[in-house]
């Protein structure tokens, strides 16, 4: 057991460290468009959400669970 703690466990720790270091350093060799961080100001297009009846036969009473709650509480049925 002491052999494992003195030799094998530290070897595993160093191997994991060097694999992580290589993965992080691999960004240097990526093309310039892939090495950049992800864009933040992207506008999302609104897609049409199907109604509650068409999704797996859900009853209309569960529409709030499918579509989310409306912004105006007065619109909640």
Protein backbone atom coordinates (compact mmCIF):
# COMPACT_ATOMS: atom_id res chain seq x y z
CA UNK A 1 0.00 0.00 0.00
CA UNK A 2 2.84 2.39 0.72
CA UNK A 3 4.25 1.68 -2.77
CA UNK A 4 0.97 2.91 -4.26
CA UNK A 5 0.93 6.06 -2.14
CA UNK A 6 4.58 6.89 -2.80
CA UNK A 7 4.90 6.09 -6.49
CA UNK A 8 1.67 5.31 -8.33
CA UNK A 9 -0.66 8.00 -6.93
CA UNK A 10 1.78 10.89 -7.58
CA UNK A 11 2.32 9.53 -11.09
CA UNK A 12 -1.44 9.61 -11.72
CA UNK A 13 -1.63 13.18 -10.38
CA UNK A 14 1.14 14.35 -12.72
CA UNK A 15 -0.38 12.56 -15.69
CA UNK A 16 -3.77 14.18 -15.10
CA UNK A 17 -2.09 17.58 -14.72
CA UNK A 18 -0.16 17.23 -17.98
CA UNK A 19 -3.22 16.03 -19.91
CA UNK A 20 -5.17 19.06 -18.65
CA UNK A 21 -2.25 21.35 -19.50
CA UNK A 22 -2.08 19.95 -23.03
CA UNK A 23 -5.84 20.34 -23.51
CA UNK A 24 -5.75 23.97 -22.42
CA UNK A 25 -2.64 24.73 -24.46
CA UNK A 26 -4.15 23.21 -27.61
CA UNK A 27 -6.03 26.47 -28.22
CA UNK A 28 -2.78 27.93 -29.57
CA UNK A 29 -2.93 25.60 -32.55
CA UNK A 30 -6.61 26.11 -33.39
CA UNK A 31 -7.61 28.31 -36.31
CA UNK A 32 -8.07 31.93 -35.32
CA UNK A 33 -11.86 31.86 -35.63
CA UNK A 34 -12.13 28.88 -33.27
CA UNK A 35 -9.67 30.20 -30.69
CA UNK A 36 -11.78 33.31 -30.01
CA UNK A 37 -14.33 33.30 -27.20
CA UNK A 38 -17.98 32.79 -28.03
CA UNK A 39 -19.90 35.91 -29.11
CA UNK A 40 -22.07 37.51 -26.45
CA UNK A 41 -24.32 39.93 -28.33
CA UNK A 42 -26.06 37.49 -30.63
CA UNK A 43 -29.76 38.13 -31.16
CA UNK A 44 -31.93 35.05 -31.05
CA UNK A 45 -34.70 34.65 -33.57
CA UNK A 46 -38.04 33.81 -32.06
CA UNK A 47 -39.24 30.44 -33.21
CA UNK A 48 -42.80 29.32 -33.25
CA UNK A 49 -43.75 27.22 -30.24
CA UNK A 50 -46.35 24.56 -30.92
CA UNK A 51 -49.51 24.69 -28.89
CA UNK A 52 -50.00 22.44 -25.87
CA UNK A 53 -52.47 20.16 -27.63
CA UNK A 54 -49.98 19.15 -30.30
CA UNK A 55 -47.26 18.19 -27.82
CA UNK A 56 -47.79 14.57 -26.82
CA UNK A 57 -51.52 15.07 -26.40
CA UNK A 58 -51.24 17.38 -23.39
CA UNK A 59 -54.47 19.02 -22.22
CA UNK A 60 -54.80 22.82 -22.56
CA UNK A 61 -54.61 23.19 -18.78
CA UNK A 62 -50.91 22.32 -18.98
CA UNK A 63 -50.12 25.02 -21.55
CA UNK A 64 -48.33 27.11 -18.90
CA UNK A 65 -45.92 24.25 -18.31
CA UNK A 66 -45.14 23.97 -22.01
CA UNK A 67 -45.04 27.64 -23.02
CA UNK A 68 -44.10 29.23 -19.70
CA UNK A 69 -45.98 31.78 -17.66
CA UNK A 70 -47.04 35.01 -19.39
CA UNK A 71 -45.39 38.29 -18.42
CA UNK A 72 -48.72 39.77 -17.41
CA UNK A 73 -50.40 37.80 -14.56
CA UNK A 74 -53.82 38.98 -15.78
CA UNK A 75 -53.37 36.82 -18.90
CA UNK A 76 -53.05 33.65 -16.85
CA UNK A 77 -56.24 31.63 -17.09
